[in-house]
Amino acid sequence: MPSFLSQNFRDRQAAATEAKKASATKFLNHRPFNPEDPAYIARQAERRAIAEARAAREAQRAAERAARQAAEAARRAEEERLREEAEREEQRLAEEARKAEEALGELRRLEEAARKSEIEAQKKAERDARYAARKERKLQRKNELKRYS
């Protein structure tokens, strides 16, 4: 059997008392807090320097983030401006195409009207020619009848 299992109650109690005394001695031998202690001041200065460096890094990151956001906003604004410009150009071209289509339609309508008026004039001329021919025939018949009467 191991030796620590064969201990009796008094041995265990003595070991516990020794441990308590060692802990109390360690605590009592520890120096009290002194805010003017050079080691404490050095630790505080080191912590302060670390905190300041952290704050500087965070400020730099924030500035970089703001610069990226500003650049992104400028890029988006430029894209929006180009898109609007392209849209205006597209509308202008569509308007020009619409006007050209209207002009072409008007030209076709005028050509059709001119063609119709030409056809009408041609028909009128044919009609007038027929009428004149009929009148001439009537006149000839009348003259023939006068000759024989």
N, C-alpha and C. Protein backbone atom coordinates (compact mmCIF):
# COMPACT_ATOMS: atom_id res chain seq x y z
N MET A 1 0.80 -1.18 0.00
CA MET A 1 0.00 0.00 0.00
C MET A 1 0.85 1.25 0.00
N PRO A 2 0.41 2.26 -0.71
CA PRO A 2 1.21 3.49 -0.74
C PRO A 2 1.25 4.16 0.62
N SER A 3 2.27 4.95 0.82
CA SER A 3 2.46 5.55 2.13
C SER A 3 1.42 6.63 2.43
N PHE A 4 0.94 7.35 1.37
CA PHE A 4 -0.01 8.42 1.68
C PHE A 4 -1.37 7.88 2.10
N LEU A 5 -1.66 6.63 1.80
CA LEU A 5 -2.93 6.05 2.21
C LEU A 5 -2.86 5.56 3.66
N SER A 6 -1.68 5.33 4.16
CA SER A 6 -1.55 4.80 5.52
C SER A 6 -1.48 5.89 6.58
N GLN A 7 -1.55 7.15 6.17
CA GLN A 7 -1.49 8.24 7.13
C GLN A 7 -2.75 8.21 8.01
N ASN A 8 -2.55 8.61 9.20
CA ASN A 8 -3.71 8.67 10.09
C ASN A 8 -4.25 10.09 10.13
N PHE A 9 -5.26 10.33 10.90
CA PHE A 9 -5.94 11.61 10.97
C PHE A 9 -5.01 12.73 11.42
N ARG A 10 -4.15 12.46 12.42
CA ARG A 10 -3.27 13.50 12.96
C ARG A 10 -2.26 13.95 11.91
N ASP A 11 -1.77 13.01 11.15
CA ASP A 11 -0.81 13.39 10.11
C ASP A 11 -1.47 14.29 9.06
N ARG A 12 -2.67 13.94 8.69
CA ARG A 12 -3.39 14.77 7.70
C ARG A 12 -3.70 16.15 8.25
N GLN A 13 -4.07 16.20 9.53
CA GLN A 13 -4.38 17.47 10.17
C GLN A 13 -3.12 18.34 10.25
N ALA A 14 -2.00 17.77 10.54
CA ALA A 14 -0.74 18.50 10.63
C ALA A 14 -0.34 19.03 9.26
N ALA A 15 -0.54 18.25 8.23
CA ALA A 15 -0.21 18.68 6.86
C ALA A 15 -1.09 19.85 6.46
N ALA A 16 -2.35 19.81 6.83
CA ALA A 16 -3.28 20.90 6.51
C ALA A 16 -2.87 22.17 7.22
N THR A 17 -2.48 22.04 8.49
CA THR A 17 -2.05 23.22 9.25
C THR A 17 -0.79 23.81 8.64
N GLU A 18 0.15 22.98 8.23
CA GLU A 18 1.38 23.46 7.59
C GLU A 18 1.05 24.22 6.30
N ALA A 19 0.13 23.71 5.51
CA ALA A 19 -0.25 24.36 4.25
C ALA A 19 -0.87 25.71 4.52
N LYS A 20 -1.72 25.80 5.59
CA LYS A 20 -2.34 27.08 5.94
C LYS A 20 -1.29 28.08 6.38
N LYS A 21 -0.32 27.60 7.17
CA LYS A 21 0.74 28.50 7.65
C LYS A 21 1.57 29.00 6.47
N ALA A 22 1.90 28.11 5.54
CA ALA A 22 2.70 28.49 4.37
C ALA A 22 1.95 29.52 3.54
N SER A 23 0.66 29.34 3.37
CA SER A 23 -0.15 30.29 2.59
C SER A 23 -0.21 31.65 3.28
N ALA A 24 -0.40 31.64 4.62
CA ALA A 24 -0.46 32.88 5.38
C ALA A 24 0.89 33.58 5.33
N THR A 25 1.99 32.84 5.45
CA THR A 25 3.33 33.43 5.41
C THR A 25 3.57 34.07 4.04
N LYS A 26 3.17 33.37 3.01
CA LYS A 26 3.35 33.89 1.67
C LYS A 26 2.57 35.20 1.52
N PHE A 27 1.36 35.24 1.99
CA PHE A 27 0.53 36.44 1.90
C PHE A 27 1.11 37.58 2.71
N LEU A 28 1.56 37.26 3.96
CA LEU A 28 2.10 38.31 4.84
C LEU A 28 3.45 38.83 4.37
N ASN A 29 4.23 38.00 3.72
CA ASN A 29 5.53 38.42 3.23
C ASN A 29 5.42 39.26 1.95
N HIS A 30 4.27 39.21 1.31
CA HIS A 30 4.05 39.98 0.08
C HIS A 30 4.03 41.46 0.40
N ARG A 31 4.72 42.26 -0.41
CA ARG A 31 4.79 43.69 -0.16
C ARG A 31 3.43 44.34 -0.37
N PRO A 32 3.11 45.35 0.42
CA PRO A 32 1.83 46.06 0.21
C PRO A 32 1.92 46.92 -1.05
N PHE A 33 0.76 47.27 -1.61
CA PHE A 33 0.68 48.07 -2.83
C PHE A 33 1.24 49.45 -2.59
N ASN A 34 2.14 49.86 -3.45
CA ASN A 34 2.73 51.19 -3.37
C ASN A 34 2.58 51.84 -4.75
N PRO A 35 1.76 52.89 -4.89
CA PRO A 35 1.55 53.50 -6.22
C PRO A 35 2.80 54.20 -6.75
N GLU A 36 3.78 54.43 -5.90
CA GLU A 36 5.01 55.08 -6.34
C GLU A 36 6.12 54.08 -6.64
N ASP A 37 5.78 52.80 -6.65
CA ASP A 37 6.75 51.75 -6.92
C ASP A 37 7.18 51.85 -8.40
N PRO A 38 8.49 51.87 -8.67
CA PRO A 38 8.95 52.01 -10.06
C PRO A 38 8.46 50.89 -10.97
N ALA A 39 8.36 49.69 -10.46
CA ALA A 39 7.87 48.57 -11.28
C ALA A 39 6.40 48.81 -11.64
N TYR A 40 5.62 49.28 -10.66
CA TYR A 40 4.20 49.57 -10.91
C TYR A 40 4.08 50.69 -11.93
N ILE A 41 4.89 51.73 -11.78
CA ILE A 41 4.85 52.87 -12.71
C ILE A 41 5.25 52.41 -14.12
N ALA A 42 6.24 51.55 -14.20
CA ALA A 42 6.68 51.03 -15.50
C ALA A 42 5.57 50.21 -16.16
N ARG A 43 4.90 49.33 -15.36
CA ARG A 43 3.80 48.52 -15.90
C ARG A 43 2.67 49.42 -16.40
N GLN A 44 2.34 50.46 -15.61
CA GLN A 44 1.28 51.39 -16.00
C GLN A 44 1.65 52.13 -17.28
N ALA A 45 2.91 52.56 -17.38
CA ALA A 45 3.37 53.26 -18.58
C ALA A 45 3.29 52.33 -19.79
N GLU A 46 3.68 51.08 -19.60
CA GLU A 46 3.62 50.10 -20.68
C GLU A 46 2.17 49.88 -21.12
N ARG A 47 1.26 49.74 -20.15
CA ARG A 47 -0.16 49.55 -20.47
C ARG A 47 -0.72 50.77 -21.20
N ARG A 48 -0.30 51.96 -20.73
CA ARG A 48 -0.76 53.20 -21.35
C ARG A 48 -0.27 53.28 -22.80
N ALA A 49 1.01 52.90 -23.02
CA ALA A 49 1.58 52.93 -24.37
C ALA A 49 0.85 51.95 -25.28
N ILE A 50 0.55 50.77 -24.75
CA ILE A 50 -0.19 49.77 -25.54
C ILE A 50 -1.57 50.30 -25.90
N ALA A 51 -2.25 50.91 -24.91
CA ALA A 51 -3.59 51.46 -25.16
C ALA A 51 -3.54 52.58 -26.20
N GLU A 52 -2.51 53.45 -26.10
CA GLU A 52 -2.38 54.54 -27.07
C GLU A 52 -2.10 54.00 -28.46
N ALA A 53 -1.25 52.97 -28.55
CA ALA A 53 -0.94 52.36 -29.84
C ALA A 53 -2.21 51.73 -30.42
N ARG A 54 -2.98 51.06 -29.58
CA ARG A 54 -4.24 50.45 -30.02
C ARG A 54 -5.18 51.53 -30.55
N ALA A 55 -5.29 52.63 -29.80
CA ALA A 55 -6.17 53.73 -30.22
C ALA A 55 -5.69 54.32 -31.55
N ALA A 56 -4.35 54.45 -31.70
CA ALA A 56 -3.81 54.98 -32.95
C ALA A 56 -4.12 54.05 -34.12
N ARG A 57 -3.97 52.72 -33.89
CA ARG A 57 -4.29 51.75 -34.94
C ARG A 57 -5.77 51.81 -35.30
N GLU A 58 -6.63 51.92 -34.29
CA GLU A 58 -8.06 52.00 -34.55
C GLU A 58 -8.41 53.28 -35.32
N ALA A 59 -7.75 54.40 -34.95
CA ALA A 59 -7.99 55.65 -35.67
C ALA A 59 -7.52 55.53 -37.12
N GLN A 60 -6.37 54.88 -37.32
CA GLN A 60 -5.86 54.70 -38.68
C GLN A 60 -6.81 53.82 -39.48
N ARG A 61 -7.29 52.74 -38.88
CA ARG A 61 -8.24 51.86 -39.56
C ARG A 61 -9.52 52.61 -39.90
N ALA A 62 -9.98 53.43 -38.94
CA ALA A 62 -11.19 54.22 -39.19
C ALA A 62 -10.97 55.19 -40.34
N ALA A 63 -9.79 55.82 -40.38
CA ALA A 63 -9.48 56.75 -41.47
C ALA A 63 -9.41 56.01 -42.80
N GLU A 64 -8.78 54.84 -42.80
CA GLU A 64 -8.70 54.04 -44.03
C GLU A 64 -10.09 53.60 -44.47
N ARG A 65 -10.91 53.19 -43.50
CA ARG A 65 -12.28 52.77 -43.81
C ARG A 65 -13.07 53.94 -44.40
N ALA A 66 -12.90 55.13 -43.79
CA ALA A 66 -13.60 56.32 -44.30
C ALA A 66 -13.12 56.66 -45.71
N ALA A 67 -11.80 56.52 -45.95
CA ALA A 67 -11.26 56.80 -47.28
C ALA A 67 -11.81 55.80 -48.30
N ARG A 68 -11.86 54.51 -47.92
CA ARG A 68 -12.43 53.50 -48.82
C ARG A 68 -13.89 53.79 -49.11
N GLN A 69 -14.63 54.17 -48.05
CA GLN A 69 -16.05 54.47 -48.25
C GLN A 69 -16.22 55.69 -49.14
N ALA A 70 -15.38 56.70 -48.94
CA ALA A 70 -15.45 57.91 -49.78
C ALA A 70 -15.12 57.56 -51.23
N ALA A 71 -14.09 56.73 -51.43
CA ALA A 71 -13.72 56.32 -52.78
C ALA A 71 -14.85 55.51 -53.42
N GLU A 72 -15.45 54.62 -52.63
CA GLU A 72 -16.57 53.82 -53.13
C GLU A 72 -17.75 54.71 -53.48
N ALA A 73 -18.03 55.70 -52.63
CA ALA A 73 -19.13 56.63 -52.90
C ALA A 73 -18.84 57.43 -54.16
N ALA A 74 -17.60 57.87 -54.32
CA ALA A 74 -17.22 58.62 -55.53
C ALA A 74 -17.35 57.73 -56.77
N ARG A 75 -16.93 56.47 -56.64
CA ARG A 75 -17.04 55.54 -57.76
C ARG A 75 -18.50 55.31 -58.13
N ARG A 76 -19.34 55.11 -57.10
CA ARG A 76 -20.78 54.91 -57.35
C ARG A 76 -21.39 56.15 -57.98
N ALA A 77 -20.99 57.34 -57.50
CA ALA A 77 -21.52 58.59 -58.06
C ALA A 77 -21.10 58.72 -59.52
N GLU A 78 -19.85 58.38 -59.83
CA GLU A 78 -19.37 58.45 -61.20
C GLU A 78 -20.13 57.46 -62.09
N GLU A 79 -20.34 56.23 -61.57
CA GLU A 79 -21.12 55.24 -62.31
C GLU A 79 -22.53 55.74 -62.55
N GLU A 80 -23.13 56.33 -61.54
CA GLU A 80 -24.49 56.86 -61.66
C GLU A 80 -24.52 57.99 -62.69
N ARG A 81 -23.51 58.87 -62.65
CA ARG A 81 -23.45 59.97 -63.61
C ARG A 81 -23.31 59.43 -65.03
N LEU A 82 -22.43 58.43 -65.20
CA LEU A 82 -22.24 57.83 -66.53
C LEU A 82 -23.51 57.12 -66.99
N ARG A 83 -24.18 56.44 -66.06
CA ARG A 83 -25.41 55.74 -66.42
C ARG A 83 -26.48 56.74 -66.84
N GLU A 84 -26.61 57.85 -66.07
CA GLU A 84 -27.59 58.86 -66.42
C GLU A 84 -27.25 59.52 -67.76
N GLU A 85 -25.95 59.76 -67.97
CA GLU A 85 -25.52 60.35 -69.24
C GLU A 85 -25.86 59.42 -70.39
N ALA A 86 -25.58 58.13 -70.22
CA ALA A 86 -25.90 57.15 -71.25
C ALA A 86 -27.41 57.08 -71.47
N GLU A 87 -28.15 57.15 -70.39
CA GLU A 87 -29.61 57.12 -70.50
C GLU A 87 -30.12 58.35 -71.26
N ARG A 88 -29.55 59.54 -70.93
CA ARG A 88 -29.95 60.75 -71.66
C ARG A 88 -29.59 60.63 -73.14
N GLU A 89 -28.41 60.10 -73.43
CA GLU A 89 -27.99 59.92 -74.82
C GLU A 89 -28.92 58.95 -75.52
N GLU A 90 -29.28 57.89 -74.83
CA GLU A 90 -30.20 56.90 -75.41
C GLU A 90 -31.56 57.54 -75.68
N GLN A 91 -32.03 58.36 -74.74
CA GLN A 91 -33.31 59.05 -74.94
C GLN A 91 -33.21 60.02 -76.11
N ARG A 92 -32.07 60.72 -76.20
CA ARG A 92 -31.89 61.66 -77.30
C ARG A 92 -31.90 60.92 -78.64
N LEU A 93 -31.19 59.79 -78.69
CA LEU A 93 -31.16 59.00 -79.93
C LEU A 93 -32.55 58.45 -80.25
N ALA A 94 -33.26 58.02 -79.21
CA ALA A 94 -34.62 57.51 -79.43
C ALA A 94 -35.52 58.63 -79.95
N GLU A 95 -35.36 59.83 -79.40
CA GLU A 95 -36.15 60.98 -79.85
C GLU A 95 -35.81 61.32 -81.29
N GLU A 96 -34.51 61.30 -81.62
CA GLU A 96 -34.10 61.56 -83.01
C GLU A 96 -34.67 60.49 -83.94
N ALA A 97 -34.62 59.24 -83.51
CA ALA A 97 -35.16 58.15 -84.33
C ALA A 97 -36.67 58.33 -84.51
N ARG A 98 -37.35 58.73 -83.43
CA ARG A 98 -38.79 58.95 -83.52
C ARG A 98 -39.10 60.08 -84.49
N LYS A 99 -38.32 61.20 -84.38
CA LYS A 99 -38.52 62.33 -85.29
C LYS A 99 -38.23 61.92 -86.72
N ALA A 100 -37.17 61.15 -86.94
CA ALA A 100 -36.83 60.69 -88.28
C ALA A 100 -37.96 59.80 -88.82
N GLU A 101 -38.48 58.95 -87.97
CA GLU A 101 -39.59 58.08 -88.37
C GLU A 101 -40.82 58.91 -88.72
N GLU A 102 -41.09 59.94 -87.90
CA GLU A 102 -42.22 60.83 -88.19
C GLU A 102 -41.99 61.56 -89.51
N ALA A 103 -40.76 62.04 -89.72
CA ALA A 103 -40.45 62.74 -90.97
C ALA A 103 -40.59 61.80 -92.16
N LEU A 104 -40.14 60.58 -92.00
CA LEU A 104 -40.26 59.59 -93.07
C LEU A 104 -41.73 59.30 -93.34
N GLY A 105 -42.50 59.16 -92.28
CA GLY A 105 -43.95 58.93 -92.43
C GLY A 105 -44.61 60.10 -93.13
N GLU A 106 -44.23 61.32 -92.74
CA GLU A 106 -44.78 62.53 -93.38
C GLU A 106 -44.38 62.57 -94.85
N LEU A 107 -43.12 62.25 -95.14
CA LEU A 107 -42.65 62.22 -96.53
C LEU A 107 -43.43 61.19 -97.34
N ARG A 108 -43.63 60.01 -96.77
CA ARG A 108 -44.41 58.97 -97.46
C ARG A 108 -45.84 59.44 -97.70
N ARG A 109 -46.41 60.09 -96.67
CA ARG A 109 -47.78 60.58 -96.81
C ARG A 109 -47.85 61.63 -97.91
N LEU A 110 -46.85 62.55 -97.93
CA LEU A 110 -46.83 63.58 -98.98
C LEU A 110 -46.63 62.96 -100.36
N GLU A 111 -45.73 61.96 -100.44
CA GLU A 111 -45.52 61.28 -101.72
C GLU A 111 -46.79 60.58 -102.17
N GLU A 112 -47.47 59.94 -101.22
CA GLU A 112 -48.73 59.26 -101.55
C GLU A 112 -49.77 60.27 -102.02
N ALA A 113 -49.84 61.42 -101.31
CA ALA A 113 -50.79 62.46 -101.71
C ALA A 113 -50.45 63.00 -103.09
N ALA A 114 -49.15 63.22 -103.36
CA ALA A 114 -48.72 63.71 -104.67
C ALA A 114 -49.05 62.68 -105.75
N ARG A 115 -48.80 61.40 -105.44
CA ARG A 115 -49.10 60.33 -106.41
C ARG A 115 -50.59 60.27 -106.68
N LYS A 116 -51.40 60.37 -105.61
CA LYS A 116 -52.85 60.35 -105.79
C LYS A 116 -53.32 61.55 -106.60
N SER A 117 -52.76 62.75 -106.28
CA SER A 117 -53.18 63.94 -107.04
C SER A 117 -52.74 63.82 -108.50
N GLU A 118 -51.58 63.19 -108.75
CA GLU A 118 -51.13 62.97 -110.13
C GLU A 118 -52.07 62.02 -110.85
N ILE A 119 -52.45 60.95 -110.14
CA ILE A 119 -53.39 60.00 -110.74
C ILE A 119 -54.72 60.69 -111.02
N GLU A 120 -55.18 61.49 -110.04
CA GLU A 120 -56.44 62.22 -110.23
C GLU A 120 -56.32 63.17 -111.42
N ALA A 121 -55.20 63.89 -111.53
CA ALA A 121 -55.00 64.80 -112.66
C ALA A 121 -54.99 64.04 -113.97
N GLN A 122 -54.34 62.86 -113.97
CA GLN A 122 -54.29 62.03 -115.17
C GLN A 122 -55.70 61.55 -115.54
N LYS A 123 -56.47 61.11 -114.55
CA LYS A 123 -57.84 60.67 -114.81
C LYS A 123 -58.69 61.82 -115.35
N LYS A 124 -58.49 63.01 -114.75
CA LYS A 124 -59.25 64.18 -115.20
C LYS A 124 -58.89 64.52 -116.65
N ALA A 125 -57.58 64.43 -116.94
CA ALA A 125 -57.15 64.71 -118.31
C ALA A 125 -57.77 63.70 -119.27
N GLU A 126 -57.81 62.42 -118.90
CA GLU A 126 -58.42 61.38 -119.73
C GLU A 126 -59.91 61.66 -119.90
N ARG A 127 -60.55 62.02 -118.78
CA ARG A 127 -61.98 62.32 -118.83
C ARG A 127 -62.25 63.52 -119.73
N ASP A 128 -61.43 64.55 -119.55
CA ASP A 128 -61.59 65.74 -120.38
C ASP A 128 -61.36 65.41 -121.85
N ALA A 129 -60.38 64.55 -122.10
CA ALA A 129 -60.09 64.14 -123.49
C ALA A 129 -61.29 63.39 -124.06
N ARG A 130 -61.87 62.48 -123.27
CA ARG A 130 -63.05 61.75 -123.73
C ARG A 130 -64.21 62.72 -124.01
N TYR A 131 -64.39 63.65 -123.06
CA TYR A 131 -65.46 64.63 -123.21
C TYR A 131 -65.23 65.46 -124.46
N ALA A 132 -64.01 65.91 -124.67
CA ALA A 132 -63.70 66.71 -125.85
C ALA A 132 -63.91 65.89 -127.11
N ALA A 133 -63.50 64.60 -127.07
CA ALA A 133 -63.69 63.72 -128.24
C ALA A 133 -65.17 63.52 -128.51
N ARG A 134 -65.96 63.29 -127.48
CA ARG A 134 -67.39 63.12 -127.64
C ARG A 134 -68.01 64.39 -128.24
N LYS A 135 -67.60 65.53 -127.71
CA LYS A 135 -68.11 66.81 -128.20
C LYS A 135 -67.74 66.99 -129.68
N GLU A 136 -66.51 66.61 -130.02
CA GLU A 136 -66.05 66.71 -131.40
C GLU A 136 -66.87 65.81 -132.30
N ARG A 137 -67.15 64.59 -131.84
CA ARG A 137 -67.96 63.66 -132.63
C ARG A 137 -69.37 64.21 -132.83
N LYS A 138 -69.91 64.78 -131.76
CA LYS A 138 -71.25 65.37 -131.85
C LYS A 138 -71.25 66.51 -132.87
N LEU A 139 -70.23 67.31 -132.78
CA LEU A 139 -70.12 68.44 -133.68
C LEU A 139 -69.99 67.97 -135.13
N GLN A 140 -69.19 66.90 -135.35
CA GLN A 140 -69.03 66.35 -136.70
C GLN A 140 -70.35 65.80 -137.21
N ARG A 141 -71.07 65.07 -136.33
CA ARG A 141 -72.36 64.54 -136.75
C ARG A 141 -73.32 65.67 -137.11
N LYS A 142 -73.28 66.71 -136.29
CA LYS A 142 -74.15 67.86 -136.53
C LYS A 142 -73.79 68.50 -137.87
N ASN A 143 -72.50 68.63 -138.16
CA ASN A 143 -72.06 69.23 -139.41
C ASN A 143 -72.45 68.32 -140.59
N GLU A 144 -72.37 67.02 -140.44
CA GLU A 144 -72.76 66.09 -141.50
C GLU A 144 -74.24 66.18 -141.75
N LEU A 145 -75.01 66.29 -140.69
CA LEU A 145 -76.45 66.37 -140.84
C LEU A 145 -76.81 67.70 -141.54
N LYS A 146 -76.10 68.72 -141.25
CA LYS A 146 -76.35 70.03 -141.88
C LYS A 146 -76.02 69.95 -143.36
N ARG A 147 -75.00 69.23 -143.70
CA ARG A 147 -74.61 69.13 -145.07
C ARG A 147 -75.65 68.39 -145.90
N TYR A 148 -76.27 67.39 -145.35
CA TYR A 148 -77.24 66.58 -146.07
C TYR A 148 -78.64 67.13 -145.94
N SER A 149 -78.86 68.08 -145.10
CA SER A 149 -80.21 68.58 -144.94
C SER A 149 -80.54 69.71 -145.82
